Amino acid sequence: MSPYQIVELVCERFRGELGYSYVAAYPIFDKDEGDRVMYYMIHASDHDEAPALMVRAHYKAVRSRPSAVQEPLKFDTKSAN
């Protein structure tokens, strides 16, 4: 199984076997190689507010890591016409 298939299976088991209403997998990245997923943190809850709180917390945690995203390309509008 691929890592993605495994994490989906675990999430489905949390829903089906343990009965959680909200289940989500959050990637945890390598500190040195920012784009490499080291593992997934599974968050499961029955509380209606929990998913929003977890999304915010995960975003704040991964936002601080260095970005491996390419800079946007500059578009020259003069040469496009």
PDB file of N, CA and C in Angstrom:
ATOM      1  N   MET A   1       0.845  -1.190   0.000  1.00  0.00           N
ATOM      2  CA  MET A   1       0.000   0.000   0.000  1.00  0.00           C
ATOM      3  C   MET A   1       0.882   1.241   0.000  1.00  0.00           C
ATOM      4  N   SER A   2       0.400   2.276  -0.626  1.00  0.00           N
ATOM      5  CA  SER A   2       1.117   3.552  -0.620  1.00  0.00           C
ATOM      6  C   SER A   2       0.886   4.242   0.729  1.00  0.00           C
ATOM      7  N   PRO A   3       1.755   5.191   1.087  1.00  0.00           N
ATOM      8  CA  PRO A   3       1.526   5.934   2.337  1.00  0.00           C
ATOM      9  C   PRO A   3       0.141   6.592   2.374  1.00  0.00           C
ATOM     10  N   TYR A   4      -0.308   7.120   1.234  1.00  0.00           N
ATOM     11  CA  TYR A   4      -1.619   7.759   1.194  1.00  0.00           C
ATOM     12  C   TYR A   4      -2.730   6.745   1.461  1.00  0.00           C
ATOM     13  N   GLN A   5      -2.617   5.549   0.877  1.00  0.00           N
ATOM     14  CA  GLN A   5      -3.627   4.516   1.105  1.00  0.00           C
ATOM     15  C   GLN A   5      -3.651   4.082   2.569  1.00  0.00           C
ATOM     16  N   ILE A   6      -2.486   4.004   3.182  1.00  0.00           N
ATOM     17  CA  ILE A   6      -2.409   3.617   4.595  1.00  0.00           C
ATOM     18  C   ILE A   6      -3.091   4.649   5.482  1.00  0.00           C
ATOM     19  N   VAL A   7      -2.792   5.926   5.251  1.00  0.00           N
ATOM     20  CA  VAL A   7      -3.386   6.969   6.091  1.00  0.00           C
ATOM     21  C   VAL A   7      -4.897   7.028   5.888  1.00  0.00           C
ATOM     22  N   GLU A   8      -5.368   6.807   4.668  1.00  0.00           N
ATOM     23  CA  GLU A   8      -6.812   6.777   4.431  1.00  0.00           C
ATOM     24  C   GLU A   8      -7.462   5.593   5.141  1.00  0.00           C
ATOM     25  N   LEU A   9      -6.802   4.449   5.147  1.00  0.00           N
ATOM     26  CA  LEU A   9      -7.314   3.268   5.848  1.00  0.00           C
ATOM     27  C   LEU A   9      -7.402   3.516   7.352  1.00  0.00           C
ATOM     28  N   VAL A  10      -6.370   4.111   7.914  1.00  0.00           N
ATOM     29  CA  VAL A  10      -6.378   4.406   9.354  1.00  0.00           C
ATOM     30  C   VAL A  10      -7.508   5.378   9.686  1.00  0.00           C
ATOM     31  N   CYS A  11      -7.676   6.409   8.867  1.00  0.00           N
ATOM     32  CA  CYS A  11      -8.762   7.367   9.113  1.00  0.00           C
ATOM     33  C   CYS A  11     -10.123   6.676   9.039  1.00  0.00           C
ATOM     34  N   GLU A  12     -10.279   5.808   8.066  1.00  0.00           N
ATOM     35  CA  GLU A  12     -11.554   5.090   7.934  1.00  0.00           C
ATOM     36  C   GLU A  12     -11.805   4.188   9.144  1.00  0.00           C
ATOM     37  N   ARG A  13     -10.763   3.581   9.672  1.00  0.00           N
ATOM     38  CA  ARG A  13     -10.926   2.739  10.866  1.00  0.00           C
ATOM     39  C   ARG A  13     -11.310   3.582  12.082  1.00  0.00           C
ATOM     40  N   PHE A  14     -10.746   4.780  12.204  1.00  0.00           N
ATOM     41  CA  PHE A  14     -11.132   5.670  13.308  1.00  0.00           C
ATOM     42  C   PHE A  14     -12.621   5.998  13.211  1.00  0.00           C
ATOM     43  N   ARG A  15     -13.098   6.246  11.983  1.00  0.00           N
ATOM     44  CA  ARG A  15     -14.522   6.548  11.793  1.00  0.00           C
ATOM     45  C   ARG A  15     -15.384   5.315  12.045  1.00  0.00           C
ATOM     46  N   GLY A  16     -15.066   4.221  11.378  1.00  0.00           N
ATOM     47  CA  GLY A  16     -15.904   3.029  11.421  1.00  0.00           C
ATOM     48  C   GLY A  16     -15.826   2.249  12.713  1.00  0.00           C
ATOM     49  N   GLU A  17     -14.608   1.914  13.159  1.00  0.00           N
ATOM     50  CA  GLU A  17     -14.451   1.056  14.335  1.00  0.00           C
ATOM     51  C   GLU A  17     -14.545   1.817  15.649  1.00  0.00           C
ATOM     52  N   LEU A  18     -14.043   3.046  15.664  1.00  0.00           N
ATOM     53  CA  LEU A  18     -14.068   3.815  16.911  1.00  0.00           C
ATOM     54  C   LEU A  18     -15.208   4.821  16.960  1.00  0.00           C
ATOM     55  N   GLY A  19     -15.844   5.083  15.813  1.00  0.00           N
ATOM     56  CA  GLY A  19     -17.045   5.911  15.783  1.00  0.00           C
ATOM     57  C   GLY A  19     -16.846   7.409  15.880  1.00  0.00           C
ATOM     58  N   TYR A  20     -15.654   7.903  15.574  1.00  0.00           N
ATOM     59  CA  TYR A  20     -15.427   9.352  15.634  1.00  0.00           C
ATOM     60  C   TYR A  20     -16.171  10.054  14.505  1.00  0.00           C
ATOM     61  N   SER A  21     -16.728  11.208  14.806  1.00  0.00           N
ATOM     62  CA  SER A  21     -17.447  11.998  13.808  1.00  0.00           C
ATOM     63  C   SER A  21     -16.500  12.704  12.850  1.00  0.00           C
ATOM     64  N   TYR A  22     -15.393  13.210  13.362  1.00  0.00           N
ATOM     65  CA  TYR A  22     -14.437  13.976  12.571  1.00  0.00           C
ATOM     66  C   TYR A  22     -13.071  13.311  12.649  1.00  0.00           C
ATOM     67  N   VAL A  23     -12.514  12.980  11.498  1.00  0.00           N
ATOM     68  CA  VAL A  23     -11.196  12.362  11.436  1.00  0.00           C
ATOM     69  C   VAL A  23     -10.445  12.993  10.272  1.00  0.00           C
ATOM     70  N   ALA A  24      -9.214  13.428  10.533  1.00  0.00           N
ATOM     71  CA  ALA A  24      -8.402  14.023   9.471  1.00  0.00           C
ATOM     72  C   ALA A  24      -6.934  13.694   9.712  1.00  0.00           C
ATOM     73  N   ALA A  25      -6.206  13.559   8.622  1.00  0.00           N
ATOM     74  CA  ALA A  25      -4.766  13.295   8.684  1.00  0.00           C
ATOM     75  C   ALA A  25      -4.024  14.578   8.315  1.00  0.00           C
ATOM     76  N   TYR A  26      -3.060  14.952   9.136  1.00  0.00           N
ATOM     77  CA  TYR A  26      -2.273  16.155   8.910  1.00  0.00           C
ATOM     78  C   TYR A  26      -0.823  15.764   8.680  1.00  0.00           C
ATOM     79  N   PRO A  27      -0.241  16.167   7.545  1.00  0.00           N
ATOM     80  CA  PRO A  27       1.149  15.799   7.286  1.00  0.00           C
ATOM     81  C   PRO A  27       2.110  16.541   8.205  1.00  0.00           C
ATOM     82  N   ILE A  28       3.097  15.819   8.686  1.00  0.00           N
ATOM     83  CA  ILE A  28       4.174  16.404   9.482  1.00  0.00           C
ATOM     84  C   ILE A  28       5.428  16.303   8.625  1.00  0.00           C
ATOM     85  N   PHE A  29       6.040  17.459   8.355  1.00  0.00           N
ATOM     86  CA  PHE A  29       7.140  17.533   7.411  1.00  0.00           C
ATOM     87  C   PHE A  29       8.499  17.414   8.078  1.00  0.00           C
ATOM     88  N   ASP A  30       9.472  16.959   7.299  1.00  0.00           N
ATOM     89  CA  ASP A  30      10.864  16.876   7.731  1.00  0.00           C
ATOM     90  C   ASP A  30      11.368  18.290   7.996  1.00  0.00           C
ATOM     91  N   LYS A  31      12.031  18.480   9.125  1.00  0.00           N
ATOM     92  CA  LYS A  31      12.519  19.806   9.483  1.00  0.00           C
ATOM     93  C   LYS A  31      13.592  20.294   8.511  1.00  0.00           C
ATOM     94  N   ASP A  32      14.430  19.376   8.006  1.00  0.00           N
ATOM     95  CA  ASP A  32      15.514  19.757   7.107  1.00  0.00           C
ATOM     96  C   ASP A  32      15.073  19.816   5.648  1.00  0.00           C
ATOM     97  N   GLU A  33      14.231  18.885   5.237  1.00  0.00           N
ATOM     98  CA  GLU A  33      13.718  18.851   3.868  1.00  0.00           C
ATOM     99  C   GLU A  33      12.232  19.155   3.929  1.00  0.00           C
ATOM    100  N   GLY A  34      11.876  20.425   3.885  1.00  0.00           N
ATOM    101  CA  GLY A  34      10.518  20.885   4.149  1.00  0.00           C
ATOM    102  C   GLY A  34       9.406  20.266   3.354  1.00  0.00           C
ATOM    103  N   ASP A  35       9.698  19.721   2.152  1.00  0.00           N
ATOM    104  CA  ASP A  35       8.619  19.168   1.343  1.00  0.00           C
ATOM    105  C   ASP A  35       8.439  17.669   1.533  1.00  0.00           C
ATOM    106  N   ARG A  36       9.224  17.059   2.387  1.00  0.00           N
ATOM    107  CA  ARG A  36       9.155  15.613   2.615  1.00  0.00           C
ATOM    108  C   ARG A  36       8.265  15.312   3.822  1.00  0.00           C
ATOM    109  N   VAL A  37       7.218  14.513   3.613  1.00  0.00           N
ATOM    110  CA  VAL A  37       6.316  14.134   4.706  1.00  0.00           C
ATOM    111  C   VAL A  37       6.970  13.010   5.494  1.00  0.00           C
ATOM    112  N   MET A  38       7.163  13.241   6.780  1.00  0.00           N
ATOM    113  CA  MET A  38       7.768  12.233   7.655  1.00  0.00           C
ATOM    114  C   MET A  38       6.706  11.265   8.189  1.00  0.00           C
ATOM    115  N   TYR A  39       5.565  11.803   8.562  1.00  0.00           N
ATOM    116  CA  TYR A  39       4.460  10.978   9.047  1.00  0.00           C
ATOM    117  C   TYR A  39       3.196  11.825   9.043  1.00  0.00           C
ATOM    118  N   TYR A  40       2.087  11.218   9.347  1.00  0.00           N
ATOM    119  CA  TYR A  40       0.807  11.925   9.445  1.00  0.00           C
ATOM    120  C   TYR A  40       0.317  11.873  10.887  1.00  0.00           C
ATOM    121  N   MET A  41      -0.177  12.979  11.342  1.00  0.00           N
ATOM    122  CA  MET A  41      -0.822  13.037  12.649  1.00  0.00           C
ATOM    123  C   MET A  41      -2.324  12.877  12.389  1.00  0.00           C
ATOM    124  N   ILE A  42      -2.921  11.913  13.034  1.00  0.00           N
ATOM    125  CA  ILE A  42      -4.356  11.678  12.867  1.00  0.00           C
ATOM    126  C   ILE A  42      -5.089  12.389  13.996  1.00  0.00           C
ATOM    127  N   HIS A  43      -6.012  13.250  13.620  1.00  0.00           N
ATOM    128  CA  HIS A  43      -6.827  13.957  14.610  1.00  0.00           C
ATOM    129  C   HIS A  43      -8.247  13.424  14.504  1.00  0.00           C
ATOM    130  N   ALA A  44      -8.778  12.963  15.623  1.00  0.00           N
ATOM    131  CA  ALA A  44     -10.133  12.420  15.663  1.00  0.00           C
ATOM    132  C   ALA A  44     -10.888  13.050  16.828  1.00  0.00           C
ATOM    133  N   SER A  45     -12.131  13.432  16.561  1.00  0.00           N
ATOM    134  CA  SER A  45     -12.919  14.077  17.599  1.00  0.00           C
ATOM    135  C   SER A  45     -14.403  13.959  17.286  1.00  0.00           C
ATOM    136  N   ASP A  46     -15.209  14.140  18.311  1.00  0.00           N
ATOM    137  CA  ASP A  46     -16.654  14.214  18.147  1.00  0.00           C
ATOM    138  C   ASP A  46     -17.160  15.641  18.337  1.00  0.00           C
ATOM    139  N   HIS A  47     -16.287  16.532  18.702  1.00  0.00           N
ATOM    140  CA  HIS A  47     -16.675  17.920  18.981  1.00  0.00           C
ATOM    141  C   HIS A  47     -16.772  18.707  17.679  1.00  0.00           C
ATOM    142  N   ASP A  48     -17.856  19.460  17.501  1.00  0.00           N
ATOM    143  CA  ASP A  48     -18.082  20.205  16.260  1.00  0.00           C
ATOM    144  C   ASP A  48     -17.020  21.265  15.963  1.00  0.00           C
ATOM    145  N   GLU A  49     -16.421  21.830  16.983  1.00  0.00           N
ATOM    146  CA  GLU A  49     -15.420  22.885  16.788  1.00  0.00           C
ATOM    147  C   GLU A  49     -14.004  22.347  16.566  1.00  0.00           C
ATOM    148  N   ALA A  50     -13.779  21.091  16.867  1.00  0.00           N
ATOM    149  CA  ALA A  50     -12.428  20.522  16.825  1.00  0.00           C
ATOM    150  C   ALA A  50     -11.760  20.593  15.453  1.00  0.00           C
ATOM    151  N   PRO A  51     -12.444  20.273  14.357  1.00  0.00           N
ATOM    152  CA  PRO A  51     -11.769  20.328  13.062  1.00  0.00           C
ATOM    153  C   PRO A  51     -11.227  21.722  12.725  1.00  0.00           C
ATOM    154  N   ALA A  52     -12.003  22.760  12.986  1.00  0.00           N
ATOM    155  CA  ALA A  52     -11.551  24.123  12.694  1.00  0.00           C
ATOM    156  C   ALA A  52     -10.352  24.502  13.554  1.00  0.00           C
ATOM    157  N   LEU A  53     -10.377  24.118  14.819  1.00  0.00           N
ATOM    158  CA  LEU A  53      -9.244  24.413  15.701  1.00  0.00           C
ATOM    159  C   LEU A  53      -7.985  23.684  15.236  1.00  0.00           C
ATOM    160  N   MET A  54      -8.142  22.447  14.805  1.00  0.00           N
ATOM    161  CA  MET A  54      -6.990  21.669  14.363  1.00  0.00           C
ATOM    162  C   MET A  54      -6.416  22.200  13.059  1.00  0.00           C
ATOM    163  N   VAL A  55      -7.268  22.597  12.137  1.00  0.00           N
ATOM    164  CA  VAL A  55      -6.791  23.190  10.883  1.00  0.00           C
ATOM    165  C   VAL A  55      -5.985  24.441  11.178  1.00  0.00           C
ATOM    166  N   ARG A  56      -6.474  25.284  12.073  1.00  0.00           N
ATOM    167  CA  ARG A  56      -5.757  26.511  12.427  1.00  0.00           C
ATOM    168  C   ARG A  56      -4.420  26.198  13.088  1.00  0.00           C
ATOM    169  N   ALA A  57      -4.398  25.255  14.003  1.00  0.00           N
ATOM    170  CA  ALA A  57      -3.154  24.895  14.693  1.00  0.00           C
ATOM    171  C   ALA A  57      -2.134  24.294  13.730  1.00  0.00           C
ATOM    172  N   HIS A  58      -2.591  23.425  12.849  1.00  0.00           N
ATOM    173  CA  HIS A  58      -1.670  22.809  11.884  1.00  0.00           C
ATOM    174  C   HIS A  58      -1.127  23.861  10.924  1.00  0.00           C
ATOM    175  N   TYR A  59      -1.974  24.767  10.469  1.00  0.00           N
ATOM    176  CA  TYR A  59      -1.530  25.826   9.567  1.00  0.00           C
ATOM    177  C   TYR A  59      -0.458  26.688  10.226  1.00  0.00           C
ATOM    178  N   LYS A  60      -0.686  27.058  11.479  1.00  0.00           N
ATOM    179  CA  LYS A  60       0.306  27.871  12.191  1.00  0.00           C
ATOM    180  C   LYS A  60       1.624  27.124  12.352  1.00  0.00           C
ATOM    181  N   ALA A  61       1.572  25.823  12.545  1.00  0.00           N
ATOM    182  CA  ALA A  61       2.788  25.029  12.735  1.00  0.00           C
ATOM    183  C   ALA A  61       3.570  24.887  11.437  1.00  0.00           C
ATOM    184  N   VAL A  62       2.892  24.637  10.327  1.00  0.00           N
ATOM    185  CA  VAL A  62       3.611  24.435   9.067  1.00  0.00           C
ATOM    186  C   VAL A  62       3.917  25.743   8.359  1.00  0.00           C
ATOM    187  N   ARG A  63       3.223  26.805   8.682  1.00  0.00           N
ATOM    188  CA  ARG A  63       3.462  28.099   8.051  1.00  0.00           C
ATOM    189  C   ARG A  63       4.848  28.623   8.381  1.00  0.00           C
ATOM    190  N   SER A  64       5.366  28.291   9.544  1.00  0.00           N
ATOM    191  CA  SER A  64       6.645  28.828   9.974  1.00  0.00           C
ATOM    192  C   SER A  64       7.837  28.130   9.337  1.00  0.00           C
ATOM    193  N   ARG A  65       7.601  26.985   8.685  1.00  0.00           N
ATOM    194  CA  ARG A  65       8.727  26.281   8.084  1.00  0.00           C
ATOM    195  C   ARG A  65       9.110  26.946   6.764  1.00  0.00           C
ATOM    196  N   PRO A  66      10.370  26.816   6.340  1.00  0.00           N
ATOM    197  CA  PRO A  66      10.808  27.445   5.091  1.00  0.00           C
ATOM    198  C   PRO A  66      10.022  26.903   3.900  1.00  0.00           C
ATOM    199  N   SER A  67       9.713  27.784   2.999  1.00  0.00           N
ATOM    200  CA  SER A  67       8.939  27.386   1.827  1.00  0.00           C
ATOM    201  C   SER A  67       9.848  26.832   0.742  1.00  0.00           C
ATOM    202  N   ALA A  68       9.424  25.739   0.136  1.00  0.00           N
ATOM    203  CA  ALA A  68      10.164  25.149  -0.971  1.00  0.00           C
ATOM    204  C   ALA A  68       9.463  25.461  -2.285  1.00  0.00           C
ATOM    205  N   VAL A  69       8.643  26.495  -2.277  1.00  0.00           N
ATOM    206  CA  VAL A  69       7.848  26.848  -3.444  1.00  0.00           C
ATOM    207  C   VAL A  69       8.641  27.789  -4.343  1.00  0.00           C
ATOM    208  N   GLN A  70       8.542  27.540  -5.637  1.00  0.00           N
ATOM    209  CA  GLN A  70       9.218  28.387  -6.605  1.00  0.00           C
ATOM    210  C   GLN A  70       8.612  29.780  -6.594  1.00  0.00           C
ATOM    211  N   GLU A  71       9.458  30.782  -6.798  1.00  0.00           N
ATOM    212  CA  GLU A  71       8.974  32.152  -6.897  1.00  0.00           C
ATOM    213  C   GLU A  71       8.061  32.273  -8.114  1.00  0.00           C
ATOM    214  N   PRO A  72       7.015  33.108  -8.042  1.00  0.00           N
ATOM    215  CA  PRO A  72       6.129  33.255  -9.187  1.00  0.00           C
ATOM    216  C   PRO A  72       6.870  33.885 -10.361  1.00  0.00           C
ATOM    217  N   LEU A  73       6.485  33.482 -11.569  1.00  0.00           N
ATOM    218  CA  LEU A  73       7.091  34.047 -12.765  1.00  0.00           C
ATOM    219  C   LEU A  73       6.575  35.444 -12.985  1.00  0.00           C
ATOM    220  N   LYS A  74       7.446  36.309 -13.466  1.00  0.00           N
ATOM    221  CA  LYS A  74       7.053  37.689 -13.789  1.00  0.00           C
ATOM    222  C   LYS A  74       6.425  37.686 -15.184  1.00  0.00           C
ATOM    223  N   PHE A  75       5.336  38.386 -15.342  1.00  0.00           N
ATOM    224  CA  PHE A  75       4.649  38.444 -16.616  1.00  0.00           C
ATOM    225  C   PHE A  75       4.795  39.833 -17.172  1.00  0.00           C
ATOM    226  N   ASP A  76       5.359  39.937 -18.351  1.00  0.00           N
ATOM    227  CA  ASP A  76       5.569  41.215 -19.017  1.00  0.00           C
ATOM    228  C   ASP A  76       4.358  41.510 -19.892  1.00  0.00           C
ATOM    229  N   THR A  77       3.527  42.458 -19.480  1.00  0.00           N
ATOM    230  CA  THR A  77       2.299  42.753 -20.217  1.00  0.00           C
ATOM    231  C   THR A  77       2.579  43.443 -21.535  1.00  0.00           C
ATOM    232  N   LYS A  78       3.693  44.145 -21.673  1.00  0.00           N
ATOM    233  CA  LYS A  78       4.016  44.853 -22.919  1.00  0.00           C
ATOM    234  C   LYS A  78       4.286  43.863 -24.051  1.00  0.00           C
ATOM    235  N   SER A  79       5.035  42.793 -23.769  1.00  0.00           N
ATOM    236  CA  SER A  79       5.379  41.847 -24.827  1.00  0.00           C
ATOM    237  C   SER A  79       4.234  40.876 -25.121  1.00  0.00           C
ATOM    238  N   ALA A  80       3.218  40.833 -24.278  1.00  0.00           N
ATOM    239  CA  ALA A  80       2.099  39.925 -24.486  1.00  0.00           C
ATOM    240  C   ALA A  80       1.130  40.461 -25.551  1.00  0.00           C
ATOM    241  N   ASN A  81       1.141  41.756 -25.807  1.00  0.00           N
ATOM    242  CA  ASN A  81       0.198  42.348 -26.778  1.00  0.00           C
ATOM    243  C   ASN A  81       0.712  42.324 -28.162  1.00  0.00           C
TER     244      ASN A  81
END
